[in-house]
């Protein structure tokens, strides 16, 4: 590696030592992969621990991970390609494209058994609400309300066991109330899965085919898909879960995983598996203004729009959110069209840049892109939930501490 990246190898090496000492050797996480790129050059690639504890398989640069919600930025970029083509607009009411959602109502009381009490929304749900999670939708795993309980009953948004199809998800949501009137609050939700459905309706292609044709294949993301490809050279990592008692247990055996076969529910919100090197190709395309290897995927101006804060009133996430579920401190953080974005680094209490954008996945994976510093960081591991440890904040602190120019 050259030194054009302007980062200290000694300080970058601290990251591996820290992760080994605090997380891997102690058994908190099975293993970790940390990739830091700056100015188009990989400045650091640190691999520690195991991909599969039960089989003793070491983690490797080409290990395949469940990236879960790191799928969302990919789906959002794919969707914005259709916006660029004039085939759908951000201010379109969603019911123009999903007519069965024309009469969605807002929760006011009751439950699915006794019957929901509802009121009319103050305004229709708009397409932009889906991209920024202000649509009034939710996730069943949040365990907060009678509405998300109904999601669990109907299997809405569940990727793995007993998953329902995209079509059935849309039909199921048509019969449920929204958590709130669109635009009034922020709530992490199945909204990005709905974008996958809209892509199918607008493009006339299966969502997975559209994604492969428009992004995954031309970018060379050969190991990224909704399943591990048959005959794939690289192994799928095991996934683990931290129990309330503090034990780390096997959550998904890679030899038996549902990710080894085509899914019933093709989830634009969380369905992809892939490698760190694949995700770097996607992130580098974004950092390069929407183009890679002479091919334009999305306009720089569209990307500027996506990475701006779109929360109504220009507020940060704590001011509008009803479901901050992660360990990270979201003060000074806004939300754009598929990504969170840093508005005020001082309020976050960790180093960064105004305008850096990021997200993570349920199994503790994470990435961020910093246009100011021409920097990308991708972190891969496999531990559910992502709130188990503050590793993302620690990692960000240590990466910025390695910049020396």
Protein backbone atom coordinates (compact mmCIF):
# COMPACT_ATOMS: atom_id res chain seq x y z
CA UNK A 1 0.00 0.00 0.00
CA UNK A 2 1.22 3.50 -0.81
CA UNK A 3 1.00 6.44 1.56
CA UNK A 4 -1.11 8.68 -0.67
CA UNK A 5 -4.00 8.00 1.70
CA UNK A 6 -2.48 10.29 4.35
CA UNK A 7 -3.20 7.96 7.25
CA UNK A 8 -0.89 6.59 9.91
CA UNK A 9 -0.32 2.82 9.59
CA UNK A 10 0.63 2.67 13.27
CA UNK A 11 -2.62 4.33 14.35
CA UNK A 12 -4.67 2.18 11.99
CA UNK A 13 -3.00 -0.91 13.48
CA UNK A 14 -4.34 0.19 16.88
CA UNK A 15 -7.83 -0.60 15.61
CA UNK A 16 -7.05 -4.29 15.18
CA UNK A 17 -5.32 -4.45 18.56
CA UNK A 18 -8.31 -2.77 20.20
CA UNK A 19 -10.88 -5.05 18.54
CA UNK A 20 -8.82 -8.14 19.36
CA UNK A 21 -8.41 -7.20 23.01
CA UNK A 22 -11.86 -5.86 23.79
CA UNK A 23 -14.13 -7.94 21.57
CA UNK A 24 -12.58 -10.97 19.84
CA UNK A 25 -10.31 -12.46 22.52
CA UNK A 26 -12.98 -11.83 25.16
CA UNK A 27 -15.55 -13.74 23.09
CA UNK A 28 -17.92 -10.80 22.69
CA UNK A 29 -17.83 -11.08 18.88
CA UNK A 30 -16.63 -14.04 16.79
CA UNK A 31 -14.45 -11.94 14.52
CA UNK A 32 -14.19 -8.63 12.70
CA UNK A 33 -13.18 -7.17 9.37
CA UNK A 34 -12.30 -3.48 9.21
CA UNK A 35 -11.69 -1.86 5.82
CA UNK A 36 -10.58 1.78 5.58
CA UNK A 37 -10.13 3.44 2.19
CA UNK A 38 -9.04 7.00 1.51
CA UNK A 39 -8.46 8.79 -1.80
CA UNK A 40 -9.31 5.63 -3.67
CA UNK A 41 -6.67 3.56 -1.91
CA UNK A 42 -7.18 0.88 0.76
CA UNK A 43 -5.34 2.30 3.75
CA UNK A 44 -6.14 -0.56 6.10
CA UNK A 45 -7.69 -4.01 5.98
CA UNK A 46 -7.76 -5.73 9.35
CA UNK A 47 -9.15 -9.24 9.80
CA UNK A 48 -9.50 -10.84 13.23
CA UNK A 49 -11.09 -13.94 14.71
CA UNK A 50 -13.43 -16.55 13.31
CA UNK A 51 -16.21 -16.61 10.73
CA UNK A 52 -17.61 -19.77 12.30
CA UNK A 53 -16.75 -20.70 15.90
CA UNK A 54 -18.37 -24.13 15.71
CA UNK A 55 -16.20 -25.21 12.78
CA UNK A 56 -13.14 -23.13 13.63
CA UNK A 57 -13.28 -21.34 10.25
CA UNK A 58 -11.11 -18.21 10.28
CA UNK A 59 -12.58 -14.93 9.12
CA UNK A 60 -11.14 -13.94 5.75
CA UNK A 61 -11.12 -10.93 3.43
CA UNK A 62 -13.67 -12.69 1.21
CA UNK A 63 -16.02 -14.01 3.92
CA UNK A 64 -19.70 -13.44 3.06
CA UNK A 65 -21.74 -11.59 5.68
CA UNK A 66 -25.43 -10.92 6.21
CA UNK A 67 -25.45 -7.17 5.71
CA UNK A 68 -29.14 -6.77 6.69
CA UNK A 69 -29.98 -3.04 6.74
CA UNK A 70 -26.87 -2.08 4.79
CA UNK A 71 -29.16 -3.30 1.99
CA UNK A 72 -31.22 -0.11 2.42
CA UNK A 73 -28.76 2.34 0.80
CA UNK A 74 -28.39 -0.02 -2.19
CA UNK A 75 -32.17 -0.25 -2.64
CA UNK A 76 -32.55 3.51 -2.19
CA UNK A 77 -29.96 4.28 -4.87
CA UNK A 78 -31.63 1.78 -7.21
CA UNK A 79 -34.98 3.47 -6.58
CA UNK A 80 -33.60 6.96 -7.19
CA UNK A 81 -32.52 5.81 -10.66
CA UNK A 82 -36.23 5.58 -11.48
CA UNK A 83 -36.78 9.06 -10.03
CA UNK A 84 -34.02 10.36 -12.30
CA UNK A 85 -35.80 8.81 -15.28
CA UNK A 86 -39.02 10.65 -14.41
CA UNK A 87 -40.92 7.42 -13.78
CA UNK A 88 -41.86 8.36 -10.21
CA UNK A 89 -41.47 11.56 -8.18
CA UNK A 90 -40.56 12.10 -4.54
CA UNK A 91 -43.70 14.15 -3.97
CA UNK A 92 -46.05 11.59 -5.57
CA UNK A 93 -48.66 10.23 -3.17
CA UNK A 94 -47.79 6.55 -2.67
CA UNK A 95 -51.36 5.53 -3.51
CA UNK A 96 -50.83 6.67 -7.11
CA UNK A 97 -48.55 3.64 -7.42
CA UNK A 98 -50.16 1.38 -4.78
CA UNK A 99 -53.91 2.02 -5.26
CA UNK A 100 -54.84 -0.42 -2.49
CA UNK A 101 -53.22 2.01 -0.02
CA UNK A 102 -55.50 4.93 -0.97
CA UNK A 103 -57.52 4.72 2.24
CA UNK A 104 -54.79 4.09 4.83
CA UNK A 105 -55.76 5.34 8.29
CA UNK A 106 -53.80 6.29 11.42
CA UNK A 107 -53.87 4.36 14.71
CA UNK A 108 -55.97 5.94 17.47
CA UNK A 109 -56.59 3.00 19.82
CA UNK A 110 -57.49 -0.65 20.19
CA UNK A 111 -55.68 -3.69 18.86
CA UNK A 112 -55.99 -6.30 16.11
CA UNK A 113 -58.15 -8.62 18.23
CA UNK A 114 -60.66 -6.05 19.48
CA UNK A 115 -60.43 -3.90 16.38
CA UNK A 116 -58.37 -0.80 15.68
CA UNK A 117 -59.71 2.69 16.21
CA UNK A 118 -58.38 5.02 13.51
CA UNK A 119 -58.41 8.57 12.25
CA UNK A 120 -57.68 10.05 8.83
CA UNK A 121 -54.07 11.12 8.14
CA UNK A 122 -53.35 14.84 7.96
CA UNK A 123 -51.96 14.28 4.47
CA UNK A 124 -51.33 11.30 2.18
CA UNK A 125 -48.13 9.29 2.45
CA UNK A 126 -45.63 10.57 -0.14
CA UNK A 127 -42.85 8.63 -1.85
CA UNK A 128 -40.24 10.70 0.02
CA UNK A 129 -41.72 9.44 3.31
CA UNK A 130 -40.69 5.90 2.35
CA UNK A 131 -37.10 6.94 1.70
CA UNK A 132 -36.71 8.89 4.94
CA UNK A 133 -38.83 6.65 7.28
CA UNK A 134 -41.53 9.23 7.95
CA UNK A 135 -44.28 7.15 6.32
CA UNK A 136 -45.99 5.95 9.52
CA UNK A 137 -44.93 2.34 8.92
CA UNK A 138 -43.01 0.27 11.49
CA UNK A 139 -41.19 -3.01 12.14
CA UNK A 140 -42.65 -5.89 14.14
CA UNK A 141 -39.38 -6.42 16.01
CA UNK A 142 -39.71 -3.07 17.75
CA UNK A 143 -42.23 -4.49 20.27
CA UNK A 144 -43.54 -1.01 21.01
CA UNK A 145 -47.17 -0.79 19.95
CA UNK A 146 -50.33 -2.69 19.04
CA UNK A 147 -49.58 -1.89 15.41
CA UNK A 148 -46.19 -3.58 15.38
CA UNK A 149 -47.80 -6.52 17.20
CA UNK A 150 -50.09 -6.88 14.18
CA UNK A 151 -47.02 -6.86 11.91
CA UNK A 152 -45.68 -9.85 13.88
CA UNK A 153 -49.01 -11.67 13.65
CA UNK A 154 -49.05 -11.25 9.87
CA UNK A 155 -45.33 -11.88 9.34
CA UNK A 156 -44.80 -8.46 7.78
CA UNK A 157 -41.16 -7.58 7.22
CA UNK A 158 -39.74 -10.90 8.43
CA UNK A 159 -36.85 -11.99 6.23
CA UNK A 160 -36.20 -15.52 7.33
CA UNK A 161 -38.51 -18.19 8.77
CA UNK A 162 -42.01 -18.25 7.26
CA UNK A 163 -41.54 -15.04 5.34
CA UNK A 164 -44.38 -13.73 3.19
CA UNK A 165 -43.87 -12.37 -0.31
CA UNK A 166 -43.60 -8.69 -1.23
CA UNK A 167 -47.10 -8.78 -2.72
CA UNK A 168 -48.55 -10.26 0.46
CA UNK A 169 -46.73 -7.69 2.57
CA UNK A 170 -48.31 -4.85 0.60
CA UNK A 171 -51.76 -6.46 0.89
CA UNK A 172 -51.26 -6.98 4.63
CA UNK A 173 -50.24 -3.38 5.20
CA UNK A 174 -53.35 -2.17 3.36
CA UNK A 175 -55.41 -3.59 6.24
CA UNK A 176 -53.40 -2.05 9.09
CA UNK A 177 -53.30 1.49 10.47
CA UNK A 178 -50.22 3.71 10.29
CA UNK A 179 -48.39 4.49 13.52
CA UNK A 180 -48.73 8.23 12.86
CA UNK A 181 -49.71 10.64 10.13
CA UNK A 182 -47.01 10.70 7.41
CA UNK A 183 -44.32 13.32 7.88
CA UNK A 184 -45.00 13.92 11.56
CA UNK A 185 -42.44 11.53 13.09
CA UNK A 186 -39.51 9.27 12.18
CA UNK A 187 -39.85 5.54 12.72
CA UNK A 188 -37.51 2.85 11.39
CA UNK A 189 -39.66 0.61 9.27
CA UNK A 190 -40.41 -1.71 6.36
CA UNK A 191 -40.57 1.38 4.13
CA UNK A 192 -37.46 0.34 2.19
CA UNK A 193 -39.08 -3.03 1.47
CA UNK A 194 -41.97 -1.05 -0.02
CA UNK A 195 -39.44 0.69 -2.30
CA UNK A 196 -38.49 -2.76 -3.62
CA UNK A 197 -42.14 -3.38 -4.42
CA UNK A 198 -42.43 -0.02 -6.18
CA UNK A 199 -39.34 -0.84 -8.24
CA UNK A 200 -41.13 -3.99 -9.43
CA UNK A 201 -44.31 -2.09 -10.31
CA UNK A 202 -42.53 0.71 -12.15
CA UNK A 203 -39.77 -1.23 -13.91
CA UNK A 204 -41.83 -4.30 -14.79
CA UNK A 205 -38.93 -6.46 -13.54
CA UNK A 206 -38.62 -8.59 -10.44
CA UNK A 207 -36.89 -6.43 -7.84
CA UNK A 208 -33.92 -8.80 -7.55
CA UNK A 209 -33.43 -8.83 -11.33
CA UNK A 210 -33.58 -5.03 -11.51
CA UNK A 211 -31.04 -4.70 -8.70
CA UNK A 212 -28.63 -7.15 -10.32
CA UNK A 213 -28.95 -5.51 -13.75
CA UNK A 214 -28.69 -1.88 -12.65
CA UNK A 215 -26.20 -2.07 -9.77
CA UNK A 216 -24.78 -5.37 -8.55
CA UNK A 217 -23.53 -6.86 -11.83
CA UNK A 218 -22.09 -3.72 -13.47
CA UNK A 219 -20.35 -2.74 -10.22
CA UNK A 220 -18.79 -6.20 -10.04
CA UNK A 221 -20.46 -7.02 -6.71
CA UNK A 222 -20.21 -10.72 -7.54
CA UNK A 223 -20.85 -12.06 -4.03
CA UNK A 224 -23.73 -9.72 -3.15
CA UNK A 225 -27.24 -11.08 -3.61
CA UNK A 226 -30.35 -12.21 -1.76
CA UNK A 227 -28.78 -15.63 -1.34
CA UNK A 228 -25.31 -17.13 -1.31
CA UNK A 229 -24.77 -18.16 -4.91
CA UNK A 230 -24.67 -21.89 -5.55
CA UNK A 231 -21.03 -22.87 -5.89
CA UNK A 232 -19.82 -19.61 -4.33
CA UNK A 233 -16.11 -19.82 -3.58
CA UNK A 234 -16.36 -17.86 -0.36
CA UNK A 235 -17.95 -19.09 2.88
CA UNK A 236 -20.95 -17.54 4.63
CA UNK A 237 -20.10 -16.57 8.20
CA UNK A 238 -22.08 -17.93 11.11
CA UNK A 239 -24.34 -15.41 12.83
CA UNK A 240 -24.58 -15.11 16.61
CA UNK A 241 -26.94 -13.45 19.07
CA UNK A 242 -26.33 -11.85 22.45
CA UNK A 243 -28.94 -13.10 24.93
CA UNK A 244 -30.40 -10.92 27.69
CA UNK A 245 -28.29 -12.93 30.15
CA UNK A 246 -25.12 -11.90 28.30
CA UNK A 247 -24.39 -15.20 26.53
CA UNK A 248 -23.39 -15.30 22.87
CA UNK A 249 -25.23 -18.11 21.10
CA UNK A 250 -25.38 -19.39 17.51
CA UNK A 251 -28.29 -17.66 15.75
CA UNK A 252 -27.86 -18.90 12.15
CA UNK A 253 -25.72 -21.89 11.15
CA UNK A 254 -24.15 -21.17 7.73
CA UNK A 255 -24.64 -24.80 6.70
CA UNK A 256 -28.40 -24.58 7.35
CA UNK A 257 -29.03 -20.88 6.70
CA UNK A 258 -32.08 -19.65 4.81
CA UNK A 259 -29.63 -17.45 2.88
CA UNK A 260 -28.46 -20.55 0.99
CA UNK A 261 -31.64 -20.60 -1.10
CA UNK A 262 -33.83 -18.02 -2.88
CA UNK A 263 -35.98 -16.14 -0.35
CA UNK A 264 -39.77 -16.03 -0.37
CA UNK A 265 -39.54 -12.38 0.66
CA UNK A 266 -37.05 -10.34 -1.38
CA UNK A 267 -36.24 -7.64 1.15
CA UNK A 268 -34.90 -4.31 -0.06
CA UNK A 269 -34.67 -3.35 3.59
CA UNK A 270 -32.46 -6.16 4.81
CA UNK A 271 -32.16 -9.15 2.52
CA UNK A 272 -28.67 -8.99 1.03
CA UNK A 273 -25.54 -10.94 1.86
CA UNK A 274 -22.14 -9.84 0.57
CA UNK A 275 -18.47 -9.18 1.16
CA UNK A 276 -16.66 -6.09 2.42
CA UNK A 277 -14.87 -5.77 -0.92
CA UNK A 278 -18.22 -5.75 -2.75
CA UNK A 279 -19.61 -3.07 -0.47
CA UNK A 280 -16.47 -1.01 -1.03
CA UNK A 281 -17.28 -0.97 -4.77
CA UNK A 282 -20.75 0.44 -4.03
CA UNK A 283 -19.42 2.96 -1.49
CA UNK A 284 -16.59 4.10 -3.77
CA UNK A 285 -19.08 4.70 -6.58
CA UNK A 286 -21.04 6.98 -4.23
CA UNK A 287 -17.92 8.77 -3.00
CA UNK A 288 -16.93 9.31 -6.65
CA UNK A 289 -20.17 11.21 -7.22
CA UNK A 290 -22.28 8.35 -8.59
CA UNK A 291 -19.94 6.93 -11.26
CA UNK A 292 -17.45 4.08 -11.45
CA UNK A 293 -15.22 2.71 -14.24
CA UNK A 294 -16.65 5.12 -16.80
CA UNK A 295 -20.28 4.26 -16.03
CA UNK A 296 -22.72 6.72 -14.51
CA UNK A 297 -25.13 5.13 -12.02
CA UNK A 298 -26.67 8.20 -10.46
CA UNK A 299 -26.15 11.94 -10.79
CA UNK A 300 -23.96 13.84 -8.36
CA UNK A 301 -26.88 16.21 -7.78
CA UNK A 302 -29.24 13.33 -6.98
CA UNK A 303 -26.67 12.00 -4.54
CA UNK A 304 -26.37 15.45 -2.94
CA UNK A 305 -30.14 15.36 -2.46
CA UNK A 306 -30.03 11.86 -0.95
CA UNK A 307 -27.33 12.74 1.57
CA UNK A 308 -28.97 15.98 2.77
CA UNK A 309 -31.06 15.96 5.94
CA UNK A 310 -34.72 15.46 4.99
CA UNK A 311 -36.30 15.38 8.43
CA UNK A 312 -39.18 17.89 8.51
CA UNK A 313 -38.16 21.15 10.13
CA UNK A 314 -34.46 20.38 9.61
CA UNK A 315 -34.26 18.75 13.04
CA UNK A 316 -32.05 15.85 14.10
CA UNK A 317 -33.25 12.30 14.74
CA UNK A 318 -33.84 12.56 18.51
CA UNK A 319 -36.25 15.45 17.91
CA UNK A 320 -38.50 13.42 15.59
CA UNK A 321 -37.87 9.74 16.29
CA UNK A 322 -40.18 7.38 18.13
CA UNK A 323 -37.85 4.39 17.71
CA UNK A 324 -34.17 5.07 18.23
CA UNK A 325 -33.16 1.46 18.76
CA UNK A 326 -29.38 1.64 18.47
CA UNK A 327 -26.67 2.32 21.02
CA UNK A 328 -25.33 5.29 19.07
CA UNK A 329 -25.94 8.83 20.19
CA UNK A 330 -28.02 10.41 17.43
CA UNK A 331 -27.72 14.02 18.56
CA UNK A 332 -26.59 16.07 15.57
CA UNK A 333 -27.59 13.31 13.14
CA UNK A 334 -30.23 13.79 10.45
CA UNK A 335 -31.69 11.37 7.94
CA UNK A 336 -31.63 11.62 4.18
CA UNK A 337 -32.99 9.35 1.45
CA UNK A 338 -31.65 5.97 2.53
CA UNK A 339 -28.81 7.10 4.82
CA UNK A 340 -28.31 8.89 8.11
CA UNK A 341 -26.19 12.01 7.74
CA UNK A 342 -24.08 14.02 10.18
CA UNK A 343 -25.33 17.59 10.58
CA UNK A 344 -23.26 18.74 13.55
CA UNK A 345 -20.19 16.64 14.48
CA UNK A 346 -19.80 18.41 17.85
CA UNK A 347 -23.24 17.23 18.97
CA UNK A 348 -22.37 13.62 18.15
CA UNK A 349 -19.39 13.75 20.55
CA UNK A 350 -17.20 11.75 18.16
CA UNK A 351 -14.89 12.87 15.36
CA UNK A 352 -16.39 13.12 11.88
CA UNK A 353 -17.38 15.61 9.23
CA UNK A 354 -20.55 17.52 8.49
CA UNK A 355 -22.06 15.69 5.53
CA UNK A 356 -20.66 12.24 6.21
CA UNK A 357 -23.35 9.61 5.70
CA UNK A 358 -23.77 6.10 7.00
CA UNK A 359 -25.88 3.21 8.17
CA UNK A 360 -25.49 -0.27 9.61
CA UNK A 361 -27.08 -3.69 9.83
CA UNK A 362 -28.79 -5.78 12.51
CA UNK A 363 -25.76 -8.08 12.87
CA UNK A 364 -23.53 -5.13 13.90
CA UNK A 365 -22.13 -4.38 10.43
CA UNK A 366 -21.63 -0.71 9.58
CA UNK A 367 -20.24 1.68 6.98
CA UNK A 368 -19.75 5.38 6.54
CA UNK A 369 -18.68 7.62 3.69
CA UNK A 370 -17.01 11.00 4.32
CA UNK A 371 -16.80 13.20 1.20
CA UNK A 372 -14.84 15.88 3.06
CA UNK A 373 -12.00 13.50 3.89
CA UNK A 374 -12.45 11.27 0.80
CA UNK A 375 -12.86 8.39 3.25
CA UNK A 376 -14.79 5.12 3.43
CA UNK A 377 -14.94 2.72 6.34
CA UNK A 378 -16.66 -0.68 6.25
CA UNK A 379 -16.97 -2.87 9.35
CA UNK A 380 -18.16 -6.46 9.17
CA UNK A 381 -19.01 -8.89 11.95
CA UNK A 382 -22.05 -11.09 12.76
CA UNK A 383 -23.69 -10.38 16.12
CA UNK A 384 -27.34 -9.57 16.72
CA UNK A 385 -28.48 -7.05 17.94
CA UNK A 386 -26.41 -4.15 16.65
CA UNK A 387 -26.95 -2.38 19.98
CA UNK A 388 -24.93 -5.04 21.84
CA UNK A 389 -21.73 -2.97 22.04
CA UNK A 390 -20.62 0.61 21.15
CA UNK A 391 -18.10 -0.70 18.62
CA UNK A 392 -19.29 1.59 15.80
CA UNK A 393 -18.59 4.75 17.77
CA UNK A 394 -15.26 3.39 18.99
CA UNK A 395 -14.26 2.48 15.45
CA UNK A 396 -15.14 5.92 14.09
CA UNK A 397 -13.08 7.60 16.80
CA UNK A 398 -10.03 5.46 16.02
CA UNK A 399 -10.26 5.82 12.24
CA UNK A 400 -10.32 9.61 12.40
CA UNK A 401 -7.47 9.53 14.91
CA UNK A 402 -5.34 7.92 12.16
CA UNK A 403 -5.61 10.83 9.73
CA UNK A 404 -2.24 12.59 9.70
CA UNK A 405 -2.46 15.22 6.95
